[in-house]
Amino acid sequence: MLNIWKKVYTAGTSSLLLFTLLISAGAGSASAAEATVTQGAEPDVFRIVALGDSITAGYEPGMTDPNVKPYGYAERLLEQGWYHGRSALSNYGILGLTTTGLLNYTAAIKDGAVTTADGIQPGLPDPRIQQFAALTPQIKTELGEADLITLTIGGNDVSSLLLTAKDLTEEAFKAELDQLLASYSTNVKTALENIRTVNPQATILLADQYQPAPKIAVSSSYLKLMSAAQQFTVAAEGVASSMNQPGAPVKVAHVAEKFAGVEASLTHIIGAGAADFHPTQLGYETIARVFAESYWGEYRTPSVPVWTAASAPMSIVVKGVELNTPNKPILKNGQNFLALKDILNAVGANGKWDNKTQSASIVYGGRTVVITIGSKTIKVNGAAVTVDTPAFLQKVGQEDKTYLPLAALATGLGFDVNYSSKLRTAFINP
């Protein structure tokens, strides 16, 4: 089983080229959740910027299908943001990034200057690195507007130690570990200082380093590796403590303790295919839960299990409250339809039904919207706006209920509407 480590990093590096098929087209944008277009400016948007290595990027081995988008901790964190209001994610996780690379990258971002791939870190395996290097002025703007900044970094620094641990004497292991810890602390602190120069007040959450190998894979080295992971946690806490200020929090997201003892299920070290230290989907959910609980004090999931049949109604969350209504969402011609009255009640909007014209008039947020059954246009403050799918009447018990597509809520009422296919949940925020 010790030979498993010899395969981990070669397998991971060769697979990174395949990963570009999945994320090169949308660097910096949330890719796991499909969002509808929202009309007008988005007020009070909670902005998340995720920086770091392939853990932030959401990489998993064997991701060769370009139609399958990464669904890592950052994308899950965006979903958690939707539970609390309008939210947006910029994900700049770089495959293969070390703490030195993070230091160089944040320095370029701080200066707002376009850099080069080698200026960040020579030999990075991320095929998008030229794009990331050119985006530094844009990233500076996004970083300056962020409310929450997350970081995963250090795994690529410690990889050599993980691979050679079984062959090193205690003295040699300690010497190399001490050197790694010193450079980690220096590089990460300087990177955080660069970030703080751009954004003096955002909450910064720094993940510590999980130890990815289960005991069965590394045998007698397990305790030694666990001790090293604990020392990295102490180093992360030291860096965070030195940067933490009232009104400008820097905290450690304690991921490592959640992986301890369950590495086999939370990483790809053991299982089908080549061994790899990256998280499984359960691992990424675990990381997301730690980040979410560190910031919001909770990690929410829909009441309807995500593994229920595709024909089952999806969950609807309005202003952070999951709707519990007999008027279930309807899937029709590939579109999700919601009962208009339930949404209006949830946001406190006023509505009136005109039986003669078969139309509903809604007043909300300075808008008057008229939705006519069967029409592919709606009127917003008197102006006709085209919608892809018309509203319809649905018999619910003894009443006819007006159902309209999700997109119409955004187009007509100016709501922020996002649908997560992973959670099978629609998030609606006025």
Protein backbone atom coordinates (compact mmCIF):
# COMPACT_ATOMS: atom_id res chain seq x y z
CA MET A 1 0.00 0.00 0.00
CA LEU A 2 2.95 2.34 0.45
CA ASN A 3 3.43 2.36 -3.32
CA ILE A 4 0.14 4.21 -3.51
CA TRP A 5 1.98 7.45 -2.73
CA LYS A 6 4.23 7.04 -5.76
CA LYS A 7 1.15 7.21 -7.96
CA VAL A 8 -0.65 10.09 -6.27
CA TYR A 9 1.09 13.13 -7.65
CA THR A 10 1.95 11.79 -11.09
CA ALA A 11 -1.67 10.78 -11.58
CA GLY A 12 -2.87 14.14 -10.31
CA THR A 13 -0.55 16.13 -12.60
CA SER A 14 -1.41 14.20 -15.75
CA SER A 15 -5.12 14.58 -15.04
CA LEU A 16 -4.85 18.35 -14.65
CA LEU A 17 -4.65 18.80 -18.41
CA LEU A 18 -8.04 17.14 -18.73
CA PHE A 19 -9.44 19.47 -16.11
CA THR A 20 -9.01 22.48 -18.42
CA LEU A 21 -11.89 21.13 -20.52
CA LEU A 22 -14.12 21.71 -17.55
CA ILE A 23 -13.17 25.17 -16.35
CA SER A 24 -11.19 27.08 -18.97
CA ALA A 25 -14.31 28.62 -20.45
CA GLY A 26 -15.52 30.21 -17.21
CA ALA A 27 -12.56 31.19 -15.05
CA GLY A 28 -13.62 33.45 -12.24
CA SER A 29 -17.32 32.63 -12.42
CA ALA A 30 -19.51 30.25 -10.49
CA SER A 31 -20.00 27.15 -12.61
CA ALA A 32 -21.94 24.66 -10.49
CA ALA A 33 -25.21 26.53 -10.35
CA GLU A 34 -27.18 27.77 -13.33
CA ALA A 35 -28.26 31.36 -12.81
CA THR A 36 -30.97 33.21 -14.68
CA VAL A 37 -30.34 36.68 -16.00
CA THR A 38 -31.42 39.35 -13.57
CA GLN A 39 -32.57 42.72 -14.85
CA GLY A 40 -30.97 45.85 -13.45
CA ALA A 41 -28.29 46.34 -10.84
CA GLU A 42 -27.97 43.87 -8.01
CA PRO A 43 -28.29 45.66 -4.66
CA ASP A 44 -26.42 44.41 -1.63
CA VAL A 45 -24.72 41.47 -3.30
CA PHE A 46 -22.64 39.32 -0.96
CA ARG A 47 -19.39 38.77 -2.86
CA ILE A 48 -17.09 35.79 -2.34
CA VAL A 49 -13.59 35.60 -3.82
CA ALA A 50 -11.88 32.21 -3.58
CA LEU A 51 -8.10 32.09 -3.98
CA GLY A 52 -5.64 29.23 -3.69
CA ASP A 53 -4.75 25.92 -5.23
CA SER A 54 -6.58 23.03 -6.92
CA ILE A 55 -8.72 22.47 -3.81
CA THR A 56 -10.22 25.91 -4.37
CA ALA A 57 -10.56 25.12 -8.09
CA GLY A 58 -12.66 22.06 -7.17
CA TYR A 59 -10.52 19.55 -9.04
CA GLU A 60 -11.23 15.82 -8.95
CA PRO A 61 -9.33 13.11 -10.84
CA GLY A 62 -10.82 11.75 -14.01
CA MET A 63 -12.83 14.83 -14.86
CA THR A 64 -12.75 14.39 -18.63
CA ASP A 65 -16.30 15.28 -19.64
CA PRO A 66 -16.43 18.95 -20.70
CA ASN A 67 -20.15 19.01 -19.89
CA VAL A 68 -19.48 18.27 -16.21
CA LYS A 69 -18.50 21.39 -14.30
CA PRO A 70 -16.46 21.36 -11.08
CA TYR A 71 -18.55 21.34 -7.93
CA GLY A 72 -16.14 22.04 -5.12
CA TYR A 73 -16.28 23.82 -1.81
CA ALA A 74 -16.42 27.29 -3.38
CA GLU A 75 -19.50 26.49 -5.47
CA ARG A 76 -21.20 25.06 -2.41
CA LEU A 77 -20.27 28.19 -0.47
CA LEU A 78 -22.03 30.27 -3.14
CA GLU A 79 -25.17 28.18 -2.58
CA GLN A 80 -24.91 28.88 1.13
CA GLY A 81 -24.68 32.57 0.29
CA TRP A 82 -27.96 32.33 -1.66
CA TYR A 83 -29.64 31.11 1.52
CA HIS A 84 -28.73 34.49 3.02
CA GLY A 85 -29.37 36.82 0.08
CA ARG A 86 -27.98 37.84 -3.29
CA SER A 87 -24.52 36.38 -3.67
CA ALA A 88 -21.78 36.08 -6.27
CA LEU A 89 -18.60 34.01 -6.52
CA SER A 90 -15.28 34.64 -8.25
CA ASN A 91 -13.14 31.48 -8.15
CA TYR A 92 -9.44 31.91 -8.90
CA GLY A 93 -8.11 28.59 -7.68
CA ILE A 94 -4.93 27.68 -9.59
CA LEU A 95 -3.87 24.08 -10.10
CA GLY A 96 -0.45 23.38 -8.59
CA LEU A 97 -0.13 26.70 -6.76
CA THR A 98 2.28 26.82 -3.81
CA THR A 99 2.50 29.40 -1.03
CA THR A 100 5.28 31.13 -2.99
CA GLY A 101 3.01 31.29 -6.01
CA LEU A 102 0.20 32.71 -3.88
CA LEU A 103 2.58 35.35 -2.53
CA ASN A 104 3.63 36.34 -6.07
CA TYR A 105 0.06 36.30 -7.36
CA THR A 106 -1.34 38.45 -4.55
CA ALA A 107 1.55 40.89 -5.01
CA ALA A 108 0.58 41.31 -8.68
CA ILE A 109 -3.08 41.67 -7.71
CA LYS A 110 -2.17 44.30 -5.11
CA ASP A 111 -0.28 46.27 -7.76
CA GLY A 112 -3.10 45.81 -10.27
CA ALA A 113 -0.50 44.88 -12.86
CA VAL A 114 -0.76 42.22 -15.55
CA THR A 115 1.80 39.53 -14.80
CA THR A 116 3.06 36.38 -16.52
CA ALA A 117 2.69 32.70 -15.78
CA ASP A 118 6.31 32.48 -14.64
CA GLY A 119 5.81 35.65 -12.63
CA ILE A 120 3.28 33.75 -10.56
CA GLN A 121 5.06 30.40 -10.39
CA PRO A 122 7.26 28.68 -13.00
CA GLY A 123 6.01 25.35 -14.34
CA LEU A 124 2.40 25.54 -13.17
CA PRO A 125 0.34 22.73 -14.73
CA ASP A 126 -2.83 24.83 -14.95
CA PRO A 127 -3.58 25.46 -18.65
CA ARG A 128 -5.50 28.62 -17.68
CA ILE A 129 -2.52 30.26 -16.02
CA GLN A 130 -1.96 32.81 -18.81
CA GLN A 131 -5.58 33.88 -18.44
CA PHE A 132 -5.24 34.21 -14.68
CA ALA A 133 -2.03 36.21 -15.08
CA ALA A 134 -3.76 38.65 -17.45
CA LEU A 135 -6.77 39.07 -15.14
CA THR A 136 -4.92 40.60 -12.19
CA PRO A 137 -6.37 44.14 -12.66
CA GLN A 138 -9.91 42.69 -12.76
CA ILE A 139 -9.20 40.45 -9.79
CA LYS A 140 -7.95 43.45 -7.80
CA THR A 141 -11.32 45.11 -8.34
CA GLU A 142 -13.24 41.97 -7.38
CA LEU A 143 -11.02 41.38 -4.36
CA GLY A 144 -11.57 44.96 -3.22
CA GLU A 145 -15.35 44.47 -3.36
CA ALA A 146 -15.36 41.08 -1.61
CA ASP A 147 -17.19 40.46 1.65
CA LEU A 148 -15.61 37.03 2.14
CA ILE A 149 -12.22 35.79 0.90
CA THR A 150 -11.36 32.11 1.19
CA LEU A 151 -7.95 30.47 0.87
CA THR A 152 -6.73 26.89 0.50
CA ILE A 153 -2.97 26.72 0.12
CA GLY A 154 -0.01 24.63 1.26
CA GLY A 155 -0.77 21.16 -0.08
CA ASN A 156 1.66 21.53 -2.96
CA ASP A 157 4.37 22.75 -0.56
CA VAL A 158 4.10 19.69 1.64
CA SER A 159 3.72 17.08 -1.12
CA SER A 160 7.42 16.16 -1.17
CA LEU A 161 7.37 15.51 2.57
CA LEU A 162 4.32 13.29 2.25
CA LEU A 163 6.00 11.23 -0.45
CA THR A 164 9.27 10.73 1.41
CA ALA A 165 8.05 10.48 5.01
CA LYS A 166 8.48 6.72 5.23
CA ASP A 167 12.13 6.94 4.13
CA LEU A 168 13.21 9.81 6.39
CA THR A 169 14.67 9.51 9.83
CA GLU A 170 12.87 11.35 12.60
CA GLU A 171 15.59 14.01 12.58
CA ALA A 172 15.48 14.50 8.82
CA PHE A 173 11.69 14.56 8.82
CA LYS A 174 11.63 17.19 11.55
CA ALA A 175 14.23 19.33 9.79
CA GLU A 176 12.31 19.35 6.52
CA LEU A 177 9.02 19.95 8.29
CA ASP A 178 10.45 22.90 10.24
CA GLN A 179 11.67 24.44 6.99
CA LEU A 180 8.29 23.96 5.34
CA LEU A 181 6.46 25.45 8.31
CA ALA A 182 8.73 28.50 8.33
CA SER A 183 8.27 29.21 4.62
CA TYR A 184 4.52 28.54 4.88
CA SER A 185 4.12 31.05 7.69
CA THR A 186 6.21 33.72 5.95
CA ASN A 187 4.61 33.32 2.54
CA VAL A 188 1.02 33.11 3.73
CA LYS A 189 1.37 36.08 6.06
CA THR A 190 2.83 38.22 3.28
CA ALA A 191 0.05 37.06 0.92
CA LEU A 192 -2.55 38.04 3.53
CA GLU A 193 -0.89 41.43 3.89
CA ASN A 194 -1.17 41.90 0.12
CA ILE A 195 -4.86 41.00 0.30
CA ARG A 196 -5.43 43.35 3.21
CA THR A 197 -3.90 46.21 1.22
CA VAL A 198 -6.56 45.67 -1.45
CA ASN A 199 -9.42 44.95 0.96
CA PRO A 200 -8.96 46.17 4.54
CA GLN A 201 -12.22 44.80 5.95
CA ALA A 202 -13.42 41.57 4.31
CA THR A 203 -13.51 38.42 6.39
CA ILE A 204 -10.66 36.12 5.38
CA LEU A 205 -10.94 32.38 6.03
CA LEU A 206 -7.75 30.34 5.69
CA ALA A 207 -8.11 26.57 5.56
CA ASP A 208 -5.53 24.48 7.38
CA GLN A 209 -3.94 21.41 5.77
CA TYR A 210 -5.76 18.11 5.89
CA GLN A 211 -3.65 14.94 5.87
CA PRO A 212 -5.05 12.92 2.93
CA ALA A 213 -3.71 9.40 3.48
CA PRO A 214 -5.56 6.83 5.61
CA LYS A 215 -3.56 4.70 8.00
CA ILE A 216 -3.93 1.63 5.81
CA ALA A 217 -2.12 3.44 2.97
CA VAL A 218 0.88 4.76 4.90
CA SER A 219 1.14 2.33 7.81
CA SER A 220 3.72 3.45 10.36
CA SER A 221 4.05 6.93 8.80
CA TYR A 222 0.46 7.81 9.66
CA LEU A 223 1.09 9.24 13.12
CA LYS A 224 4.07 11.19 11.84
CA LEU A 225 2.01 12.70 9.03
CA MET A 226 -0.87 13.50 11.37
CA SER A 227 1.55 15.29 13.67
CA ALA A 228 2.82 17.31 10.70
CA ALA A 229 -0.75 18.28 9.78
CA GLN A 230 -1.38 19.41 13.35
CA GLN A 231 1.74 21.58 13.21
CA PHE A 232 0.50 23.18 10.00
CA THR A 233 -2.75 23.97 11.80
CA VAL A 234 -0.78 25.67 14.56
CA ALA A 235 1.15 27.63 11.92
CA ALA A 236 -2.09 28.69 10.21
CA GLU A 237 -3.53 29.79 13.54
CA GLY A 238 -0.39 31.81 14.25
CA VAL A 239 -0.59 33.60 10.92
CA ALA A 240 -4.32 34.27 11.28
CA SER A 241 -3.89 35.55 14.83
CA SER A 242 -1.16 37.97 13.74
CA MET A 243 -3.46 39.41 11.04
CA ASN A 244 -6.79 39.34 12.88
CA GLN A 245 -8.17 42.78 13.75
CA PRO A 246 -11.51 44.11 15.04
CA GLY A 247 -13.68 44.74 12.00
CA ALA A 248 -11.23 42.88 9.77
CA PRO A 249 -11.35 39.23 10.85
CA VAL A 250 -8.88 36.60 9.71
CA LYS A 251 -9.78 33.12 10.90
CA VAL A 252 -8.74 29.53 10.31
CA ALA A 253 -11.26 27.15 8.78
CA HIS A 254 -10.42 23.92 10.61
CA VAL A 255 -10.68 21.41 7.78
CA ALA A 256 -7.91 19.06 8.93
CA GLU A 257 -9.73 17.78 12.00
CA LYS A 258 -12.75 16.82 9.88
CA PHE A 259 -10.59 14.62 7.60
CA ALA A 260 -8.72 12.88 10.43
CA GLY A 261 -9.60 9.20 10.57
CA VAL A 262 -11.96 9.31 7.56
CA GLU A 263 -9.43 10.12 4.84
CA ALA A 264 -10.42 7.12 2.72
CA SER A 265 -13.95 8.45 2.19
CA LEU A 266 -13.05 12.13 1.88
CA THR A 267 -10.16 11.80 -0.60
CA HIS A 268 -9.39 9.80 -3.74
CA ILE A 269 -6.37 8.07 -2.19
CA ILE A 270 -8.10 4.69 -2.18
CA GLY A 271 -10.69 3.64 -4.72
CA ALA A 272 -11.21 3.04 -8.41
CA GLY A 273 -8.55 4.51 -10.67
CA ALA A 274 -5.25 6.09 -9.78
CA ALA A 275 -4.67 7.34 -6.25
CA ASP A 276 -5.09 11.08 -5.77
CA PHE A 277 -5.05 13.35 -2.71
CA HIS A 278 -7.88 15.61 -3.89
CA PRO A 279 -11.23 15.53 -2.07
CA THR A 280 -14.17 13.42 -3.14
CA GLN A 281 -17.56 15.11 -3.42
CA LEU A 282 -18.12 14.22 0.21
CA GLY A 283 -14.74 15.77 0.98
CA TYR A 284 -15.62 18.99 -0.80
CA GLU A 285 -18.93 19.16 1.04
CA THR A 286 -17.04 18.70 4.30
CA ILE A 287 -14.73 21.60 3.43
CA ALA A 288 -17.67 23.77 2.41
CA ARG A 289 -19.44 22.97 5.67
CA VAL A 290 -16.39 24.11 7.66
CA PHE A 291 -16.16 27.38 5.74
CA ALA A 292 -19.90 28.04 5.99
CA GLU A 293 -20.07 27.29 9.69
CA SER A 294 -17.02 29.49 10.27
CA TYR A 295 -18.77 32.42 8.61
CA TRP A 296 -22.54 31.96 9.05
CA GLY A 297 -22.56 29.50 11.93
CA GLU A 298 -24.55 26.99 9.87
CA TYR A 299 -24.55 24.83 6.74
CA ARG A 300 -27.97 24.46 5.20
CA THR A 301 -29.40 21.78 2.96
CA PRO A 302 -32.85 21.49 1.36
CA SER A 303 -35.52 19.52 3.20
CA VAL A 304 -36.12 17.38 0.11
CA PRO A 305 -33.13 15.01 -0.22
CA VAL A 306 -31.13 15.68 -3.38
CA TRP A 307 -31.18 11.98 -4.27
CA THR A 308 -34.97 11.87 -4.67
CA ALA A 309 -36.41 11.09 -8.09
CA ALA A 310 -35.94 13.74 -10.75
CA SER A 311 -39.72 13.94 -11.13
CA ALA A 312 -40.13 15.04 -7.50
CA PRO A 313 -40.77 18.77 -6.93
CA MET A 314 -37.71 20.89 -6.40
CA SER A 315 -37.19 22.98 -3.27
CA ILE A 316 -37.90 26.72 -3.30
CA VAL A 317 -36.06 29.11 -0.98
CA VAL A 318 -37.35 32.70 -0.84
CA LYS A 319 -35.44 35.26 1.25
CA GLY A 320 -33.72 32.40 3.05
CA VAL A 321 -36.94 30.57 3.95
CA GLU A 322 -37.80 27.27 2.29
CA LEU A 323 -41.40 27.32 1.12
CA ASN A 324 -43.72 24.73 2.57
CA THR A 325 -46.84 24.90 0.44
CA PRO A 326 -49.39 22.56 -1.13
CA ASN A 327 -48.80 24.39 -4.43
CA LYS A 328 -45.83 22.33 -5.50
CA PRO A 329 -43.44 23.48 -8.25
CA ILE A 330 -44.21 21.98 -11.65
CA LEU A 331 -41.73 20.76 -14.24
CA LYS A 332 -43.19 21.37 -17.70
CA ASN A 333 -41.39 21.21 -21.06
CA GLY A 334 -38.07 21.25 -19.25
CA GLN A 335 -38.92 24.43 -17.32
CA ASN A 336 -39.64 24.89 -13.63
CA PHE A 337 -42.87 26.73 -12.82
CA LEU A 338 -43.83 28.19 -9.45
CA ALA A 339 -47.16 29.25 -7.99
CA LEU A 340 -47.16 33.04 -8.22
CA LYS A 341 -49.22 33.61 -5.07
CA ASP A 342 -46.71 31.73 -2.89
CA ILE A 343 -43.82 33.88 -4.09
CA LEU A 344 -45.77 37.11 -3.65
CA ASN A 345 -46.78 36.14 -0.12
CA ALA A 346 -43.18 35.26 0.73
CA VAL A 347 -41.79 38.64 -0.36
CA GLY A 348 -44.77 40.75 0.71
CA ALA A 349 -45.80 41.89 -2.76
CA ASN A 350 -49.33 42.93 -3.72
CA GLY A 351 -51.19 41.12 -6.49
CA LYS A 352 -54.59 41.37 -8.15
CA TRP A 353 -56.30 38.94 -10.53
CA ASP A 354 -58.39 40.14 -13.49
CA ASN A 355 -60.69 37.32 -14.50
CA LYS A 356 -61.80 39.10 -17.67
CA THR A 357 -58.31 39.50 -19.11
CA GLN A 358 -56.93 36.38 -17.43
CA SER A 359 -54.05 38.42 -16.07
CA ALA A 360 -52.35 39.07 -12.74
CA SER A 361 -51.13 42.55 -11.80
CA ILE A 362 -48.30 42.73 -9.30
CA VAL A 363 -46.86 45.79 -7.57
CA TYR A 364 -43.45 45.39 -5.97
CA GLY A 365 -40.30 47.45 -5.56
CA GLY A 366 -41.44 50.31 -7.74
CA ARG A 367 -42.56 47.98 -10.54
CA THR A 368 -45.99 47.18 -11.83
CA VAL A 369 -45.99 43.89 -13.67
CA VAL A 370 -48.87 42.38 -15.62
CA ILE A 371 -48.70 38.67 -16.41
CA THR A 372 -51.29 37.27 -18.81
CA ILE A 373 -52.04 33.57 -18.98
CA GLY A 374 -50.75 32.04 -22.21
CA SER A 375 -48.88 35.16 -23.35
CA LYS A 376 -45.17 35.16 -24.18
CA THR A 377 -44.93 38.80 -23.21
CA ILE A 378 -45.35 40.43 -19.82
CA LYS A 379 -45.67 44.13 -19.12
CA VAL A 380 -43.23 45.83 -16.80
CA ASN A 381 -44.27 49.41 -15.99
CA GLY A 382 -46.26 49.40 -19.21
CA ALA A 383 -43.44 48.12 -21.46
CA ALA A 384 -43.76 44.72 -23.13
CA VAL A 385 -41.03 42.23 -22.24
CA THR A 386 -40.69 38.86 -23.95
CA VAL A 387 -40.52 35.66 -21.88
CA ASP A 388 -39.58 32.24 -23.22
CA THR A 389 -42.50 30.38 -21.69
CA PRO A 390 -45.95 31.76 -20.81
CA ALA A 391 -47.71 31.48 -17.47
CA PHE A 392 -50.56 28.98 -17.13
CA LEU A 393 -53.39 28.08 -14.76
CA GLN A 394 -53.10 24.90 -12.74
CA LYS A 395 -55.94 23.29 -10.81
CA VAL A 396 -54.97 22.83 -7.15
CA GLY A 397 -57.87 21.41 -5.19
CA GLN A 398 -60.86 23.63 -5.96
CA GLU A 399 -58.78 26.63 -7.06
CA ASP A 400 -56.95 27.68 -10.21
CA LYS A 401 -53.43 28.84 -9.42
CA THR A 402 -51.27 31.01 -11.67
CA TYR A 403 -47.96 29.31 -12.40
CA LEU A 404 -45.10 31.15 -14.08
CA PRO A 405 -41.54 30.16 -15.03
CA LEU A 406 -38.59 30.98 -12.80
CA ALA A 407 -37.11 33.29 -15.42
CA ALA A 408 -40.21 35.50 -15.36
CA LEU A 409 -39.58 36.32 -11.71
CA ALA A 410 -36.22 37.80 -12.64
CA THR A 411 -37.37 39.45 -15.87
CA GLY A 412 -40.57 40.90 -14.51
CA LEU A 413 -40.06 41.54 -10.81
CA GLY A 414 -36.32 42.11 -10.78
CA PHE A 415 -35.69 39.27 -8.35
CA ASP A 416 -32.35 37.51 -8.19
CA VAL A 417 -33.19 33.94 -9.18
CA ASN A 418 -30.67 31.10 -9.16
CA TYR A 419 -31.21 27.40 -9.65
CA SER A 420 -28.80 24.82 -8.26
CA SER A 421 -29.10 21.58 -10.18
CA LYS A 422 -26.97 19.85 -7.55
CA LEU A 423 -29.36 20.76 -4.73
CA ARG A 424 -32.42 20.80 -7.01
CA THR A 425 -33.30 24.08 -5.34
CA ALA A 426 -34.32 27.50 -6.63
CA PHE A 427 -33.10 30.49 -4.62
CA ILE A 428 -35.18 33.66 -4.95
CA ASN A 429 -33.96 36.90 -3.43
CA PRO A 430 -35.73 40.25 -3.98
